[in-house]
Amino acid sequence: MNAVSPAAANANVFSVTQLNRVIKDRIETDPRLLQCHVSGEISNFKHHTSGHMYFTLKDEQSRVRAVMFAGRNRRLRFRPEDGMRVICTGSVSVFDRDGQYQLYVDDMQPDGIGALYVQFEQLRNRLQAEGLFSQVRKRPLPAYPTRIGVVTSPTGAVIRDICTTLERRFPLAKVILAPAAVQGAGAAKTLVAGLRKLWSLKDPVDVIIIGRGGGSLEELWPFNEEVVARAVANSPVPIVSAVGHETDVTICDFVADVRAATPTAAAELVAPHRQDMSYQLTQALARSVGAITNQVRTSRQVLRGLAERPVLREPKRMIDKERQTVDYVEGRLRDALVRPVRVARRQYVDVERRLLRIDLKRRIDTLKYQTQSLEDRSGQSVKRTVDRYNAMLERQIGVLEAINPLSVLRRGYSVVYDESKDEIISSTAQLPAGRRIRIRVADGTVCANVVDDGGVYTRGEQTRLDI
């Protein structure tokens, strides 16, 4: 039996990292996997805050992990979603940390449906959710615009059709053209610039037509750009969208205040026909004449009725009647003024007569005597009351002085306190020998020690305390 040498045995032993790197090198050197196209359905889609997109591509039998870095997915014209079938272009490699191979996507296209249509649907749904298509924010077109702005190509048939239609229908209107590119890269920016140019005019326009002729979805795509949609939504004047033919629909059509099937139809919408205006003027003139005729007829009837009134037919008789009324009122006023004066005069004489009968000096003297008498009696009453209260106060002071503890101490008595407990001693039982006491007399306090209790009378009264 042949033994295997350790060197030979270790030659085929890989670390996990080495094994992953070998597999990675093999995969990355396979030309079929360097730039491959993989179709499948997106699942577990996650758009990370870093901008990278992580998802899984799957079909009926298998699945593979995929990643599309932020620098790549910024060029996408649609937003990937779970359940969407796509064709991814990229390379296959191994993620060393997990030892799992995955697809590094460089580009992505919808499978079975155009990327532009997907982008169109996503933008339409998002703007609709924001309310930009709501009928509530749609504004009516002015009835008789005098300045009509047009944003379109200066060389196309659109501007010619609009001018021809307006010249035929409403020649009073003036057309202001804001030139813009209507297809190709950068066309959306020129459309927005044209709108802003019309908004900034010194003499503002009454309404704006934005549009172009028919074409494919790619050719009409500038009118599906979000920047154009938001500019139309923020316009300070009403906007009519006239993009393509009857069957062509763009985001601009949804956002605009009014959608026209064609540019010619847009011109017909923004301006009235002069024949219609002539008919309306004729009808208005007829109504005005009829109204004035009725007013004149009514005024004549009123004048005729006024002319038949007595006040206008015989004004002198009415004046004489009013003069008589004035004379009557004048007499009533004179009586009303003279009678109160007479009554007041009689009252004055009567009061004067009564005052003369009264002896004012005697009445004053009597009142002075009465006042002095009241003053004397009041003073005596107050003095008696004060004396009575002074006597009561003296008695109360005596009572308080008699019960004042300091007065008792001044008569030779004292109060004994237990110094440790700060309690008053009322019995010899509370004074064992050696107890520290404090004695309060009238003019101060002294401290002492108990030597002997000195005995107790049979009645329980202490007779002597040796200190």
Protein backbone atom coordinates (compact mmCIF):
# COMPACT_ATOMS: atom_id res chain seq x y z
CA MET A 1 0.00 0.00 0.00
CA ASN A 2 1.42 3.40 -1.07
CA ALA A 3 1.30 6.22 1.48
CA VAL A 4 0.25 9.73 0.33
CA SER A 5 2.80 12.39 1.21
CA PRO A 6 1.59 15.47 3.23
CA ALA A 7 2.80 17.85 0.52
CA ALA A 8 0.73 16.08 -2.10
CA ALA A 9 -2.26 16.02 0.17
CA ASN A 10 -2.05 19.75 0.96
CA ALA A 11 -1.64 20.71 -2.70
CA ASN A 12 -5.42 20.32 -3.32
CA VAL A 13 -6.62 21.97 -0.07
CA PHE A 14 -8.15 25.49 -0.67
CA SER A 15 -9.26 28.02 1.87
CA VAL A 16 -12.80 29.33 1.34
CA THR A 17 -11.45 32.63 0.07
CA GLN A 18 -9.07 30.88 -2.36
CA LEU A 19 -11.86 28.69 -3.65
CA ASN A 20 -14.15 31.68 -4.25
CA ARG A 21 -11.37 33.53 -6.07
CA VAL A 22 -10.63 30.55 -8.32
CA ILE A 23 -14.29 30.26 -9.25
CA LYS A 24 -14.49 34.05 -9.76
CA ASP A 25 -11.46 33.98 -12.08
CA ARG A 26 -12.95 31.13 -14.10
CA ILE A 27 -16.29 32.91 -14.49
CA GLU A 28 -14.80 36.31 -15.32
CA THR A 29 -12.56 34.81 -18.02
CA ASP A 30 -15.44 33.08 -19.77
CA PRO A 31 -16.23 35.29 -22.81
CA ARG A 32 -19.86 34.15 -22.80
CA LEU A 33 -20.36 35.70 -19.33
CA LEU A 34 -18.46 38.96 -19.83
CA GLN A 35 -21.30 40.67 -21.71
CA CYS A 36 -24.43 38.56 -21.64
CA HIS A 37 -28.16 39.25 -21.93
CA VAL A 38 -30.49 37.63 -19.40
CA SER A 39 -34.30 37.79 -19.52
CA GLY A 40 -36.48 37.16 -16.49
CA GLU A 41 -39.02 38.51 -14.04
CA ILE A 42 -38.01 40.93 -11.28
CA SER A 43 -38.70 39.94 -7.68
CA ASN A 44 -37.49 41.12 -4.25
CA PHE A 45 -36.71 44.52 -5.78
CA LYS A 46 -35.04 47.00 -3.40
CA HIS A 47 -33.80 50.49 -4.26
CA HIS A 48 -31.23 51.16 -1.53
CA THR A 49 -30.65 54.63 -0.05
CA SER A 50 -27.18 54.51 -1.62
CA GLY A 51 -28.85 54.48 -5.05
CA HIS A 52 -27.98 50.86 -5.87
CA MET A 53 -30.73 48.48 -7.01
CA TYR A 54 -30.81 44.92 -5.66
CA PHE A 55 -33.23 42.34 -7.09
CA THR A 56 -33.67 38.75 -8.22
CA LEU A 57 -34.25 37.60 -11.81
CA LYS A 58 -36.34 34.47 -12.07
CA ASP A 59 -38.16 32.30 -14.55
CA GLU A 60 -40.34 29.23 -14.13
CA GLN A 61 -37.47 26.97 -13.02
CA SER A 62 -34.62 29.01 -11.54
CA ARG A 63 -33.45 32.39 -10.24
CA VAL A 64 -30.29 34.47 -9.96
CA ARG A 65 -29.35 37.48 -7.87
CA ALA A 66 -28.64 40.77 -9.63
CA VAL A 67 -27.37 44.23 -8.73
CA MET A 68 -27.41 47.49 -10.70
CA PHE A 69 -25.24 50.21 -9.23
CA ALA A 70 -26.34 53.83 -8.93
CA GLY A 71 -24.03 55.05 -11.67
CA ARG A 72 -25.78 52.67 -14.10
CA ASN A 73 -29.43 52.91 -13.07
CA ARG A 74 -29.57 56.71 -13.32
CA ARG A 75 -29.85 56.29 -17.11
CA LEU A 76 -32.99 54.14 -16.87
CA ARG A 77 -36.07 55.72 -18.42
CA PHE A 78 -38.46 53.62 -16.33
CA ARG A 79 -38.62 52.39 -12.73
CA PRO A 80 -38.20 48.63 -12.25
CA GLU A 81 -40.89 46.93 -10.17
CA ASP A 82 -41.64 43.48 -8.82
CA GLY A 83 -43.33 41.31 -11.44
CA MET A 84 -41.93 43.25 -14.42
CA ARG A 85 -40.27 41.18 -17.18
CA VAL A 86 -36.99 42.70 -18.33
CA ILE A 87 -33.90 41.96 -20.39
CA CYS A 88 -30.72 42.77 -18.45
CA THR A 89 -27.33 43.32 -20.05
CA GLY A 90 -24.23 42.85 -17.89
CA SER A 91 -21.55 40.46 -16.62
CA VAL A 92 -21.50 37.54 -14.20
CA SER A 93 -19.13 37.43 -11.25
CA VAL A 94 -18.80 36.07 -7.72
CA PHE A 95 -19.43 38.08 -4.57
CA ASP A 96 -16.42 36.98 -2.49
CA ARG A 97 -17.98 37.52 0.92
CA ASP A 98 -21.00 35.25 0.34
CA GLY A 99 -19.40 32.93 -2.26
CA GLN A 100 -22.42 33.44 -4.50
CA TYR A 101 -22.40 34.40 -8.12
CA GLN A 102 -24.65 37.26 -9.29
CA LEU A 103 -25.40 39.34 -12.36
CA TYR A 104 -23.93 42.85 -12.45
CA VAL A 105 -26.37 44.76 -14.65
CA ASP A 106 -25.15 47.56 -16.92
CA ASP A 107 -28.43 48.16 -18.79
CA MET A 108 -32.03 47.08 -18.52
CA GLN A 109 -34.94 47.13 -20.97
CA PRO A 110 -38.53 45.97 -20.56
CA ASP A 111 -39.18 42.62 -22.19
CA GLY A 112 -42.18 42.59 -24.53
CA ILE A 113 -43.16 46.26 -23.98
CA GLY A 114 -41.31 49.41 -24.95
CA ALA A 115 -39.32 51.26 -22.31
CA LEU A 116 -40.87 54.55 -23.40
CA TYR A 117 -44.36 53.20 -22.85
CA VAL A 118 -43.40 51.91 -19.39
CA GLN A 119 -41.93 55.30 -18.52
CA PHE A 120 -45.06 56.97 -19.91
CA GLU A 121 -47.35 54.84 -17.72
CA GLN A 122 -45.27 55.35 -14.59
CA LEU A 123 -45.13 59.13 -15.02
CA ARG A 124 -48.85 59.29 -15.83
CA ASN A 125 -49.75 57.33 -12.70
CA ARG A 126 -47.49 59.44 -10.50
CA LEU A 127 -48.77 62.79 -11.78
CA GLN A 128 -52.34 61.58 -11.56
CA ALA A 129 -51.76 60.62 -7.91
CA GLU A 130 -50.49 64.17 -7.29
CA GLY A 131 -53.74 65.60 -8.69
CA LEU A 132 -52.26 67.30 -11.77
CA PHE A 133 -54.96 65.74 -13.98
CA SER A 134 -57.86 66.77 -11.72
CA GLN A 135 -60.72 68.62 -13.38
CA VAL A 136 -60.93 70.90 -10.35
CA ARG A 137 -57.74 72.72 -11.36
CA LYS A 138 -58.74 73.06 -15.03
CA ARG A 139 -59.42 76.66 -16.05
CA PRO A 140 -61.94 77.86 -18.67
CA LEU A 141 -60.65 79.47 -21.83
CA PRO A 142 -61.22 83.21 -22.33
CA ALA A 143 -64.21 83.97 -24.54
CA TYR A 144 -62.55 86.65 -26.71
CA PRO A 145 -58.73 86.43 -26.55
CA THR A 146 -56.84 89.25 -28.23
CA ARG A 147 -53.32 87.80 -27.76
CA ILE A 148 -52.77 84.07 -28.38
CA GLY A 149 -49.39 82.49 -27.63
CA VAL A 150 -48.18 79.44 -29.58
CA VAL A 151 -45.29 77.17 -28.55
CA THR A 152 -44.24 75.01 -31.51
CA SER A 153 -41.74 74.70 -34.33
CA PRO A 154 -41.49 77.89 -36.43
CA THR A 155 -41.02 75.85 -39.65
CA GLY A 156 -43.74 73.24 -39.23
CA ALA A 157 -47.27 73.17 -40.58
CA VAL A 158 -48.73 73.68 -37.10
CA ILE A 159 -48.11 77.42 -36.90
CA ARG A 160 -49.43 77.90 -40.44
CA ASP A 161 -52.62 75.98 -39.70
CA ILE A 162 -53.21 77.94 -36.49
CA CYS A 163 -52.64 81.33 -38.15
CA THR A 164 -54.86 80.40 -41.14
CA THR A 165 -57.68 79.24 -38.86
CA LEU A 166 -57.51 82.33 -36.65
CA GLU A 167 -57.38 84.66 -39.66
CA ARG A 168 -60.54 83.02 -40.97
CA ARG A 169 -62.43 82.81 -37.69
CA PHE A 170 -61.20 85.68 -35.51
CA PRO A 171 -58.89 88.13 -37.28
CA LEU A 172 -58.85 90.45 -34.25
CA ALA A 173 -56.57 88.05 -32.38
CA LYS A 174 -52.80 88.51 -32.51
CA VAL A 175 -50.59 85.39 -32.59
CA ILE A 176 -47.30 85.45 -30.64
CA LEU A 177 -44.97 82.56 -31.54
CA ALA A 178 -42.44 81.17 -29.06
CA PRO A 179 -40.18 78.93 -31.23
CA ALA A 180 -39.28 75.53 -29.79
CA ALA A 181 -38.01 72.16 -30.93
CA VAL A 182 -40.79 69.56 -30.94
CA GLN A 183 -38.74 66.37 -31.15
CA GLY A 184 -35.29 65.04 -30.42
CA ALA A 185 -32.92 65.39 -27.51
CA GLY A 186 -33.28 68.66 -25.61
CA ALA A 187 -36.68 69.47 -27.12
CA ALA A 188 -38.39 69.41 -23.71
CA LYS A 189 -36.14 72.21 -22.46
CA THR A 190 -36.98 74.42 -25.46
CA LEU A 191 -40.70 73.84 -24.88
CA VAL A 192 -40.39 74.97 -21.27
CA ALA A 193 -38.29 77.96 -22.34
CA GLY A 194 -40.99 78.92 -24.87
CA LEU A 195 -43.68 78.83 -22.18
CA ARG A 196 -41.61 80.98 -19.85
CA LYS A 197 -40.95 83.48 -22.64
CA LEU A 198 -44.69 83.92 -23.15
CA TRP A 199 -45.30 84.29 -19.41
CA SER A 200 -42.69 87.05 -19.14
CA LEU A 201 -44.08 89.27 -21.91
CA LYS A 202 -44.86 92.86 -20.92
CA ASP A 203 -48.29 92.49 -22.54
CA PRO A 204 -49.38 89.04 -21.33
CA VAL A 205 -51.14 86.58 -23.61
CA ASP A 206 -54.70 85.45 -22.87
CA VAL A 207 -54.23 81.77 -23.79
CA ILE A 208 -51.40 79.49 -25.00
CA ILE A 209 -51.44 76.67 -27.58
CA ILE A 210 -48.64 74.11 -27.28
CA GLY A 211 -48.31 71.30 -29.79
CA ARG A 212 -47.00 69.71 -32.95
CA GLY A 213 -48.14 67.39 -35.74
CA GLY A 214 -48.48 63.62 -35.57
CA GLY A 215 -45.65 61.14 -35.16
CA SER A 216 -44.45 58.06 -33.38
CA LEU A 217 -44.16 57.73 -29.61
CA GLU A 218 -40.47 58.54 -29.83
CA GLU A 219 -41.15 61.67 -31.89
CA LEU A 220 -43.85 62.86 -29.50
CA TRP A 221 -41.79 62.00 -26.43
CA PRO A 222 -40.76 65.61 -25.47
CA PHE A 223 -44.44 66.23 -24.62
CA ASN A 224 -44.27 63.26 -22.20
CA GLU A 225 -41.32 64.67 -20.26
CA GLU A 226 -42.01 65.50 -16.59
CA VAL A 227 -40.43 68.95 -16.87
CA VAL A 228 -42.90 69.90 -19.63
CA ALA A 229 -45.85 68.47 -17.69
CA ARG A 230 -45.02 70.48 -14.56
CA ALA A 231 -44.43 73.66 -16.56
CA VAL A 232 -47.86 73.31 -18.18
CA ALA A 233 -49.45 72.61 -14.78
CA ASN A 234 -47.85 75.76 -13.27
CA SER A 235 -48.80 78.06 -16.16
CA PRO A 236 -50.45 81.34 -15.02
CA VAL A 237 -52.66 81.37 -18.16
CA PRO A 238 -54.86 78.62 -19.62
CA ILE A 239 -53.09 76.19 -21.98
CA VAL A 240 -54.52 74.14 -24.86
CA SER A 241 -52.54 71.01 -25.74
CA ALA A 242 -52.62 70.08 -29.44
CA VAL A 243 -50.12 67.24 -29.86
CA GLY A 244 -50.33 64.79 -32.73
CA HIS A 245 -53.54 63.48 -34.29
CA GLU A 246 -56.85 62.35 -32.82
CA THR A 247 -55.47 59.05 -31.51
CA ASP A 248 -52.22 60.44 -30.10
CA VAL A 249 -52.26 61.01 -26.31
CA THR A 250 -49.44 62.59 -24.28
CA ILE A 251 -48.86 63.59 -20.67
CA CYS A 252 -49.13 67.20 -21.79
CA ASP A 253 -52.73 66.50 -22.91
CA PHE A 254 -53.67 65.27 -19.43
CA VAL A 255 -52.12 68.25 -17.61
CA ALA A 256 -53.32 71.02 -19.95
CA ASP A 257 -56.56 72.87 -19.25
CA VAL A 258 -58.03 71.75 -22.59
CA ARG A 259 -56.95 69.03 -25.05
CA ALA A 260 -57.48 69.57 -28.76
CA ALA A 261 -57.43 66.70 -31.28
CA THR A 262 -55.30 68.70 -33.73
CA PRO A 263 -53.61 72.12 -33.87
CA THR A 264 -56.43 73.35 -36.17
CA ALA A 265 -58.98 72.22 -33.60
CA ALA A 266 -57.01 74.09 -30.93
CA ALA A 267 -57.27 77.32 -32.93
CA GLU A 268 -61.02 76.76 -33.24
CA LEU A 269 -61.31 76.20 -29.49
CA VAL A 270 -59.46 79.34 -28.37
CA ALA A 271 -61.19 81.81 -30.71
CA PRO A 272 -64.86 82.31 -31.61
CA HIS A 273 -66.01 82.39 -35.23
CA ARG A 274 -66.77 85.86 -36.53
CA GLN A 275 -70.07 84.66 -37.98
CA ASP A 276 -71.08 83.41 -34.54
CA MET A 277 -70.05 86.75 -33.08
CA SER A 278 -72.05 88.60 -35.75
CA TYR A 279 -75.09 86.49 -34.92
CA GLN A 280 -74.60 87.10 -31.19
CA LEU A 281 -74.23 90.84 -31.78
CA THR A 282 -77.42 90.86 -33.88
CA GLN A 283 -79.29 89.02 -31.14
CA ALA A 284 -77.87 91.33 -28.46
CA LEU A 285 -78.86 94.39 -30.53
CA ALA A 286 -82.40 93.07 -30.95
CA ARG A 287 -82.69 92.40 -27.22
CA SER A 288 -81.31 95.87 -26.44
CA VAL A 289 -83.76 97.59 -28.79
CA GLY A 290 -86.65 95.61 -27.33
CA ALA A 291 -85.60 96.45 -23.77
CA ILE A 292 -85.24 100.17 -24.58
CA THR A 293 -88.64 100.20 -26.35
CA ASN A 294 -90.33 98.60 -23.35
CA GLN A 295 -88.62 101.08 -21.03
CA VAL A 296 -89.79 104.05 -23.14
CA ARG A 297 -93.33 102.70 -23.22
CA THR A 298 -93.37 102.23 -19.47
CA SER A 299 -91.94 105.72 -18.86
CA ARG A 300 -94.64 107.27 -21.08
CA GLN A 301 -97.35 105.56 -19.10
CA VAL A 302 -95.84 106.84 -15.87
CA LEU A 303 -95.67 110.41 -17.24
CA ARG A 304 -99.26 110.19 -18.43
CA GLY A 305 -100.40 109.10 -14.99
CA LEU A 306 -98.47 111.92 -13.32
CA ALA A 307 -99.92 114.51 -15.70
CA GLU A 308 -103.46 113.50 -14.65
CA ARG A 309 -102.87 113.99 -10.93
CA PRO A 310 -104.55 117.07 -9.29
CA VAL A 311 -101.33 118.28 -7.74
CA LEU A 312 -99.86 118.83 -11.17
CA ARG A 313 -103.05 119.97 -12.90
CA GLU A 314 -104.04 122.65 -10.27
CA PRO A 315 -100.97 123.27 -8.10
CA LYS A 316 -102.31 126.64 -6.71
CA ARG A 317 -105.21 124.93 -4.98
CA MET A 318 -102.83 122.54 -3.26
CA ILE A 319 -100.62 125.46 -2.17
CA ASP A 320 -103.61 127.37 -0.68
CA LYS A 321 -104.63 124.28 1.26
CA GLU A 322 -101.16 123.90 2.68
CA ARG A 323 -101.11 127.60 3.64
CA GLN A 324 -104.26 127.10 5.68
CA THR A 325 -102.61 124.18 7.43
CA VAL A 326 -99.59 126.36 8.22
CA ASP A 327 -101.81 129.06 9.79
CA TYR A 328 -103.53 126.46 11.97
CA VAL A 329 -100.26 125.01 13.15
CA GLU A 330 -98.90 128.49 13.87
CA GLY A 331 -101.89 129.26 16.15
CA ARG A 332 -101.42 125.98 18.00
CA LEU A 333 -97.76 126.70 18.55
CA ARG A 334 -98.44 130.20 19.86
CA ASP A 335 -100.95 128.90 22.40
CA ALA A 336 -98.59 126.12 23.41
CA LEU A 337 -95.81 128.65 24.14
CA VAL A 338 -97.83 131.37 25.93
CA ARG A 339 -99.82 129.10 28.29
CA PRO A 340 -96.77 127.58 30.11
CA VAL A 341 -95.32 131.05 30.64
CA ARG A 342 -98.51 132.25 32.28
CA VAL A 343 -98.71 129.22 34.54
CA ALA A 344 -95.05 129.59 35.59
CA ARG A 345 -95.58 133.27 36.37
CA ARG A 346 -98.54 132.49 38.66
CA GLN A 347 -96.50 129.81 40.47
CA TYR A 348 -93.64 132.27 41.00
CA VAL A 349 -95.92 134.89 42.54
CA ASP A 350 -97.47 132.28 44.86
CA VAL A 351 -94.06 131.08 46.08
CA GLU A 352 -92.89 134.66 46.66
CA ARG A 353 -95.95 135.37 48.72
CA ARG A 354 -95.39 132.32 50.96
CA LEU A 355 -91.74 133.18 51.54
CA LEU A 356 -92.64 136.65 52.72
CA ARG A 357 -94.89 135.13 55.42
CA ILE A 358 -92.05 133.09 56.94
CA ASP A 359 -89.81 134.70 59.73
CA LEU A 360 -86.45 133.33 58.63
CA LYS A 361 -84.36 134.90 61.50
CA ARG A 362 -86.42 133.28 64.21
CA ARG A 363 -86.28 129.93 62.51
CA ILE A 364 -82.49 130.16 62.25
CA ASP A 365 -82.07 131.04 65.95
CA THR A 366 -84.28 128.12 66.97
CA LEU A 367 -82.25 125.71 64.88
CA LYS A 368 -78.97 127.07 66.35
CA TYR A 369 -80.25 126.48 69.92
CA GLN A 370 -81.35 122.97 69.04
CA THR A 371 -77.97 122.22 67.48
CA GLN A 372 -76.04 123.49 70.54
CA SER A 373 -78.22 121.44 72.90
CA LEU A 374 -77.59 118.28 70.86
CA GLU A 375 -73.85 118.99 70.87
CA ASP A 376 -73.75 119.34 74.71
CA ARG A 377 -75.70 116.15 75.30
CA SER A 378 -73.52 114.24 72.84
CA GLY A 379 -70.29 115.38 74.57
CA GLN A 380 -71.53 114.31 78.00
CA SER A 381 -72.62 110.93 76.67
CA VAL A 382 -69.25 110.33 75.03
CA LYS A 383 -67.39 111.29 78.29
CA ARG A 384 -69.48 108.88 80.38
CA THR A 385 -68.88 106.09 77.91
CA VAL A 386 -65.10 106.68 77.90
CA ASP A 387 -64.96 106.71 81.73
CA ARG A 388 -66.91 103.45 81.91
CA TYR A 389 -64.56 101.69 79.51
CA ASN A 390 -61.48 103.04 81.33
CA ALA A 391 -62.74 101.52 84.60
CA MET A 392 -63.38 98.20 82.88
CA LEU A 393 -59.85 98.29 81.45
CA GLU A 394 -58.31 98.91 84.91
CA ARG A 395 -60.20 95.94 86.34
CA GLN A 396 -59.01 93.67 83.54
CA ILE A 397 -55.41 94.80 84.06
CA GLY A 398 -55.70 93.92 87.77
CA VAL A 399 -57.07 90.50 86.99
CA LEU A 400 -54.27 89.82 84.50
CA GLU A 401 -51.68 91.04 86.97
CA ALA A 402 -53.07 88.72 89.67
CA ILE A 403 -52.80 85.63 87.49
CA ASN A 404 -49.40 86.53 86.01
CA PRO A 405 -46.90 83.74 86.97
CA LEU A 406 -44.13 86.29 87.41
CA SER A 407 -46.16 88.03 90.11
CA VAL A 408 -46.33 84.74 92.06
CA LEU A 409 -42.55 84.33 91.71
CA ARG A 410 -42.02 87.86 93.01
CA ARG A 411 -43.86 86.87 96.21
CA GLY A 412 -41.09 84.28 96.99
CA TYR A 413 -42.21 81.24 95.07
CA SER A 414 -40.15 79.34 92.48
CA VAL A 415 -40.54 76.70 89.75
CA VAL A 416 -38.35 73.57 89.63
CA TYR A 417 -37.46 71.91 86.27
CA ASP A 418 -35.83 68.56 85.53
CA GLU A 419 -32.82 69.80 83.54
CA SER A 420 -32.40 66.61 81.47
CA LYS A 421 -36.06 66.38 80.41
CA ASP A 422 -36.98 70.09 80.71
CA GLU A 423 -40.13 69.13 82.69
CA ILE A 424 -41.68 70.87 85.75
CA ILE A 425 -41.15 68.90 88.98
CA SER A 426 -44.39 68.47 90.93
CA SER A 427 -43.47 65.59 93.29
CA THR A 428 -40.47 64.44 95.34
CA ALA A 429 -40.86 61.09 93.60
CA GLN A 430 -39.44 62.80 90.51
CA LEU A 431 -36.27 63.87 92.40
CA PRO A 432 -33.99 60.98 93.24
CA ALA A 433 -30.62 61.85 94.77
CA GLY A 434 -28.13 63.15 92.25
CA ARG A 435 -30.75 64.49 89.81
CA ARG A 436 -29.76 67.72 88.04
CA ILE A 437 -32.46 70.41 88.39
CA ARG A 438 -33.05 74.07 87.33
CA ILE A 439 -34.88 76.51 89.62
CA ARG A 440 -36.73 79.52 88.14
CA VAL A 441 -37.16 82.53 90.51
CA ALA A 442 -38.50 86.02 89.78
CA ASP A 443 -35.24 87.52 88.52
CA GLY A 444 -33.47 84.51 86.94
CA THR A 445 -32.59 80.79 86.97
CA VAL A 446 -30.14 78.70 89.07
CA CYS A 447 -29.02 75.06 88.64
CA ALA A 448 -28.53 72.51 91.48
CA ASN A 449 -28.07 68.82 92.32
CA VAL A 450 -30.51 66.90 94.58
CA VAL A 451 -28.80 65.58 97.76
CA ASP A 452 -31.81 64.37 99.81
CA ASP A 453 -35.56 64.46 99.37
CA GLY A 454 -36.04 65.88 102.96
CA GLY A 455 -39.15 63.89 103.75
CA VAL A 456 -42.82 64.22 102.85
CA TYR A 457 -45.86 65.34 104.89
CA THR A 458 -48.67 62.92 105.35
CA ARG A 459 -50.79 65.13 103.12
CA GLY A 460 -48.17 64.67 100.38
CA GLU A 461 -46.79 68.19 100.57
CA GLN A 462 -43.01 68.62 100.56
CA THR A 463 -41.68 70.51 103.60
CA ARG A 464 -37.95 70.62 102.91
CA LEU A 465 -35.64 69.92 100.05
CA ASP A 466 -31.92 69.70 100.74
CA ILE A 467 -29.91 70.90 97.81
